[in-house]
Amino acid sequence: MKGEAIGSCEAIRAAHNSFRPNLSFEIPEKKNKTEKEAFHFVSYVPHKNAVYELDGLKE
């Protein structure tokens, strides 16, 4: 749920996507209009001499 909330923020999405390299040979795929785009965010949080990975796609 948190990833979806972050992904719906246009400013955060634009900043995140601005780091994507431009590939001149990339061919855009045709998308199904009912298909939703998925955005994936991973965070690393230091806490008490350990680093925790927060990844919404991992179980």
N, C-alpha and C. Protein backbone atom coordinates (compact mmCIF):
# COMPACT_ATOMS: atom_id res chain seq x y z
N MET A 1 0.81 -1.20 0.00
CA MET A 1 0.00 0.00 0.00
C MET A 1 0.86 1.27 0.00
N LYS A 2 1.95 1.26 0.76
CA LYS A 2 2.79 2.45 0.82
C LYS A 2 3.43 2.73 -0.53
N GLY A 3 3.88 1.66 -1.22
CA GLY A 3 4.48 1.85 -2.53
C GLY A 3 3.50 2.44 -3.53
N GLU A 4 2.25 2.02 -3.44
CA GLU A 4 1.22 2.57 -4.33
C GLU A 4 0.99 4.05 -4.02
N ALA A 5 0.99 4.41 -2.74
CA ALA A 5 0.81 5.81 -2.36
C ALA A 5 1.97 6.66 -2.86
N ILE A 6 3.19 6.14 -2.73
CA ILE A 6 4.36 6.88 -3.21
C ILE A 6 4.32 6.98 -4.73
N GLY A 7 3.95 5.89 -5.40
CA GLY A 7 3.89 5.87 -6.86
C GLY A 7 2.84 6.79 -7.44
N SER A 8 1.84 7.12 -6.66
CA SER A 8 0.79 8.01 -7.17
C SER A 8 1.17 9.48 -7.04
N CYS A 9 2.29 9.76 -6.38
CA CYS A 9 2.76 11.15 -6.24
C CYS A 9 3.57 11.51 -7.49
N GLU A 10 3.05 12.41 -8.30
CA GLU A 10 3.68 12.77 -9.58
C GLU A 10 5.09 13.31 -9.38
N ALA A 11 5.33 14.13 -8.36
CA ALA A 11 6.65 14.73 -8.13
C ALA A 11 7.69 13.65 -7.80
N ILE A 12 7.33 12.71 -6.94
CA ILE A 12 8.25 11.63 -6.58
C ILE A 12 8.50 10.72 -7.78
N ARG A 13 7.45 10.39 -8.52
CA ARG A 13 7.60 9.54 -9.70
C ARG A 13 8.50 10.19 -10.74
N ALA A 14 8.33 11.49 -10.98
CA ALA A 14 9.16 12.19 -11.96
C ALA A 14 10.62 12.22 -11.52
N ALA A 15 10.86 12.48 -10.23
CA ALA A 15 12.23 12.49 -9.72
C ALA A 15 12.86 11.10 -9.84
N HIS A 16 12.12 10.07 -9.49
CA HIS A 16 12.61 8.70 -9.57
C HIS A 16 12.93 8.32 -11.02
N ASN A 17 12.02 8.62 -11.92
CA ASN A 17 12.21 8.25 -13.33
C ASN A 17 13.26 9.10 -14.03
N SER A 18 13.63 10.25 -13.47
CA SER A 18 14.63 11.11 -14.10
C SER A 18 16.01 10.47 -14.08
N PHE A 19 16.23 9.47 -13.23
CA PHE A 19 17.52 8.80 -13.15
C PHE A 19 17.63 7.63 -14.11
N ARG A 20 16.57 7.34 -14.82
CA ARG A 20 16.57 6.25 -15.79
C ARG A 20 17.37 6.66 -17.01
N PRO A 21 18.31 5.83 -17.46
CA PRO A 21 19.09 6.19 -18.65
C PRO A 21 18.22 6.19 -19.90
N ASN A 22 18.50 7.11 -20.80
CA ASN A 22 17.78 7.16 -22.08
C ASN A 22 18.40 6.14 -23.03
N LEU A 23 17.59 5.25 -23.53
CA LEU A 23 18.05 4.23 -24.45
C LEU A 23 17.45 4.49 -25.82
N SER A 24 18.30 4.82 -26.78
CA SER A 24 17.79 5.17 -28.10
C SER A 24 17.24 3.96 -28.85
N PHE A 25 17.64 2.76 -28.46
CA PHE A 25 17.18 1.57 -29.17
C PHE A 25 15.98 0.91 -28.50
N GLU A 26 15.43 1.54 -27.50
CA GLU A 26 14.28 0.98 -26.79
C GLU A 26 13.02 1.11 -27.66
N ILE A 27 12.26 0.03 -27.75
CA ILE A 27 11.02 0.02 -28.53
C ILE A 27 9.85 0.00 -27.55
N PRO A 28 9.00 1.03 -27.59
CA PRO A 28 7.86 1.03 -26.66
C PRO A 28 6.91 -0.11 -26.96
N GLU A 29 6.42 -0.73 -25.89
CA GLU A 29 5.47 -1.83 -26.03
C GLU A 29 4.05 -1.30 -26.04
N LYS A 30 3.18 -1.98 -26.77
CA LYS A 30 1.77 -1.63 -26.72
C LYS A 30 1.22 -2.12 -25.40
N LYS A 31 0.49 -1.27 -24.72
CA LYS A 31 -0.05 -1.63 -23.41
C LYS A 31 -1.55 -1.80 -23.49
N ASN A 32 -2.01 -2.71 -22.69
CA ASN A 32 -3.44 -2.91 -22.53
C ASN A 32 -3.97 -1.73 -21.71
N LYS A 33 -5.02 -1.08 -22.16
CA LYS A 33 -5.52 0.11 -21.47
C LYS A 33 -6.00 -0.18 -20.05
N THR A 34 -6.37 -1.43 -19.77
CA THR A 34 -6.83 -1.77 -18.43
C THR A 34 -5.67 -2.10 -17.49
N GLU A 35 -4.47 -2.28 -18.05
CA GLU A 35 -3.31 -2.64 -17.25
C GLU A 35 -2.76 -1.41 -16.52
N LYS A 36 -2.52 -1.53 -15.22
CA LYS A 36 -1.97 -0.42 -14.44
C LYS A 36 -0.44 -0.50 -14.47
N GLU A 37 0.22 0.65 -14.49
CA GLU A 37 1.66 0.68 -14.41
C GLU A 37 2.08 0.42 -12.97
N ALA A 38 3.18 -0.30 -12.80
CA ALA A 38 3.68 -0.60 -11.46
C ALA A 38 5.00 0.13 -11.25
N PHE A 39 5.13 0.76 -10.12
CA PHE A 39 6.37 1.42 -9.74
C PHE A 39 6.90 0.71 -8.51
N HIS A 40 8.19 0.50 -8.47
CA HIS A 40 8.79 -0.27 -7.40
C HIS A 40 9.86 0.57 -6.71
N PHE A 41 9.74 0.70 -5.42
CA PHE A 41 10.70 1.47 -4.63
C PHE A 41 11.33 0.56 -3.59
N VAL A 42 12.64 0.69 -3.41
CA VAL A 42 13.37 -0.04 -2.39
C VAL A 42 14.10 0.98 -1.54
N SER A 43 14.05 0.80 -0.22
CA SER A 43 14.76 1.69 0.70
C SER A 43 15.68 0.88 1.58
N TYR A 44 16.80 1.48 1.94
CA TYR A 44 17.74 0.88 2.89
C TYR A 44 17.80 1.80 4.09
N VAL A 45 17.51 1.25 5.27
CA VAL A 45 17.41 2.05 6.48
C VAL A 45 18.44 1.57 7.50
N PRO A 46 19.40 2.45 7.88
CA PRO A 46 20.35 2.06 8.93
C PRO A 46 19.69 2.19 10.30
N HIS A 47 19.93 1.18 11.16
CA HIS A 47 19.37 1.21 12.51
C HIS A 47 20.20 0.30 13.42
N LYS A 48 20.81 0.88 14.44
CA LYS A 48 21.57 0.13 15.44
C LYS A 48 22.58 -0.83 14.81
N ASN A 49 23.52 -0.30 14.06
CA ASN A 49 24.61 -1.07 13.45
C ASN A 49 24.14 -2.14 12.47
N ALA A 50 22.96 -1.97 11.91
CA ALA A 50 22.45 -2.88 10.89
C ALA A 50 21.77 -2.06 9.80
N VAL A 51 21.65 -2.63 8.63
CA VAL A 51 20.95 -1.98 7.53
C VAL A 51 19.78 -2.87 7.13
N TYR A 52 18.60 -2.29 7.09
CA TYR A 52 17.38 -3.02 6.74
C TYR A 52 16.92 -2.61 5.35
N GLU A 53 16.57 -3.61 4.55
CA GLU A 53 16.04 -3.35 3.22
C GLU A 53 14.51 -3.38 3.29
N LEU A 54 13.88 -2.32 2.82
CA LEU A 54 12.42 -2.25 2.76
C LEU A 54 12.03 -2.37 1.30
N ASP A 55 11.50 -3.51 0.93
CA ASP A 55 11.16 -3.80 -0.45
C ASP A 55 9.74 -4.35 -0.48
N GLY A 56 8.83 -3.60 -1.05
CA GLY A 56 7.43 -3.98 -1.07
C GLY A 56 7.12 -5.22 -1.88
N LEU A 57 8.04 -5.65 -2.76
CA LEU A 57 7.78 -6.83 -3.58
C LEU A 57 8.31 -8.11 -2.96
N LYS A 58 9.14 -7.98 -1.92
CA LYS A 58 9.67 -9.18 -1.25
C LYS A 58 8.71 -9.64 -0.18
N GLU A 59 8.67 -10.93 0.03
CA GLU A 59 7.78 -11.48 1.08
C GLU A 59 8.58 -11.80 2.32
